[in-house]
Amino acid sequence: GGRGRSPWRGRRPVTARGGGRRVGGEPVTDMSGQRKCPDCGSSEIVEDSHYAQNQLVCADCGFILTEGLLTTTYTDEEHLQEVTYSRSTGQNEQLSRCVQRGIGRVRDLCKVLQLPSLFEDTAVAYYQQAIKHPVFRLVSLEKKEMLVGCCVFVTCRQHNWPLTMGSVCLLLYAEKELFAKTYLCFLKELALDVPALSLVDLVKTHVGSFKLFPNSSSVPSKFVEDKEKLVARTVQVVELASETWLVTGRHPIPIVTAAAYLAWQSLCPAGRLTCTLSQFCKLACIDLPPPAHLRLKELHNILLRMASELSWLQVLKVSKKNVAKHIADLLQHRRLLLQTAFRTGDSAAEECLGDSAAAPLQTIDTETDETSLAGEKRKCSSERPPLLPPCLLNPKKKLRTSVPCSELSVTGDEPILDSEIEQYLRTPEEKERFSKAQACL
C-alpha cells in the first residue's frame, strides 16, 4: 500500500492492520514534551496491541514508531532473551538445523574464551564457509565439533590472540591428534594463512591463568607473587631455554611451566625452594604436563653450567636445590656466561694445552709426552661438551651401523641351494595357468 488514508483516523486502535504500515524509529518529542510522528509530524500517537505485543503507531499515516518484542526460538525462550519483530521474520530459515547448531557452538566457544565480538563474527564466517565445502559437508559429528574449534583457533591466531591448540582441545574434550589433522585439512582446503604464535604472548597467557596473584584468596601469603614480575622473569627464563636449544621441537607448555616455577622460586627464595613442581602446579590450579619434570631437569643443568662460571658462586655449593636463588645474577650476565660455559671441546682443549705448555719443562720421552697431551685433551673435551640440542646429546635411538659392501654385493650368479630349488620350479597347475594367461595376451 501507499500513504493513503490511515485506518486509525476517527476510531480506537484495533489489532487489525491496514495499508501504509511502515516500520520506523523512535518518536520525536517537541519542546512541550508531546510525541510526534517522525514521518508525517502528527501528534496522534496511539498504542496498539499486536499479538499481545505493545507498539506505538501513528493514527494518521500508520507509521510504526516502536516495535513490539517477539520470542521466536526455544533457545531464546530458555534464556529469556527477547528478539525484535523485524528480526523474527525467519531470516535463518535458509540455514539447516545442523549449520545453526554449529554456529551456536562457535558463539558459545567464543563466549567461554571471552573473545571480542569481531572474533566471533569472523569465526562464524569461517564456519559457514567450511561447512559448505565438499570435504566437510558429510563428515562425522566429531569432526564437525573439531571444525568449530578450528574456526575459533584460526581466528585467534590471525588476530594475534594467544591461544594454544591444547586449550581448545581441553574445552572441546577432543583428541589432539584428530584435532591437528582436522586443523591442517581446514587450512589446506580454505587456503588460509595463519601466522605463528609468539612465544612471549604464550607465556603471558599461560602465566596469567595462574592463581598465585594478590586477588587469589586461597593461596597463602608467602606464595603470592606479583603478576608483572612473574611474567617478566618467566619470559627471561624461556628466552634462556630458547638460546640453549631446549625449545626446539618441544611442546611449549611444559617448558613455560618449568620456567614459571623457577621464576616463582627466584623472586622470593625463602619458603619456596622446598616447594616441588607438583605442589607449585596445585597452588597455581593448573595441570602438570608430564614432560615438565624433564624440562626442569634440563633447565637446572643449564643454570648449574652457567653458575660454575661466576666467580662469587664458585665458592658456594650451588646445586639443583638452591640454584634458583641465583637466577637473577645468572640472567643479568646471560650472554657472557653462555659464551664461556658452552665453548666447544676443541677450544677448551687448546686452552688446557696452553696452560700445560706454560708449566716448567720436563725432560720426558716423545711418546710419553704425546700420550699425556692426548689424555689431557680428551679430559678437557669431556669437561666442556659443545652446545647441542638435547636430541643429539642424549639420542633415544641407536645409530645404525654401516653394513659392509661385501655383504650387500649380489651378482646373481650365486648357486641355488637344494632346499630352495622347489621355489623356482613350476607345478603343473602353474604351468597351465601360465599358458592360459599367455594365450589371453
Foldseek 3Di string as FASTA:
>chain_A
DDQDFAPLPPDHDEQDHDPQEEEDEAFDADPVRQTAHPPPGHRQWDWYQHVNFIWIARSGRGYTHDFGWDDADPVCVVVVHTHTPVVNPCPCVVPDPVLVVLLVLLQVVCVVVVHDPVLSVQLNVLLVVVCPDPVNVPDDPLLSLLSSLLSSVQSCQVVLNDDDLVVSCVVSVHDSVSSVVSNVVSCVVVVDDGDDHDLLNNLLVVLVLFLQAPVRPVADPLQHDHSVQLSVQLVLLVVLCVVLQNPPPDDSPLLSLLSSLLSSCQVPVVPSLPQDSVNRCVNRVHDHDVCNVVSNVVSQVVLVLLLCPDPVSVVPDDHSSCSSNCVVVCSVCVVVSCCVSADALVVQLVVVVVVVVPDDDDDDDPVVVVVVSVVSSVVSRVVHHHRDHPCVVDPPDDDDDDDDPVVVDDDPPDDDDPVCPVVVDDDPVRVVVVVVVVVVD
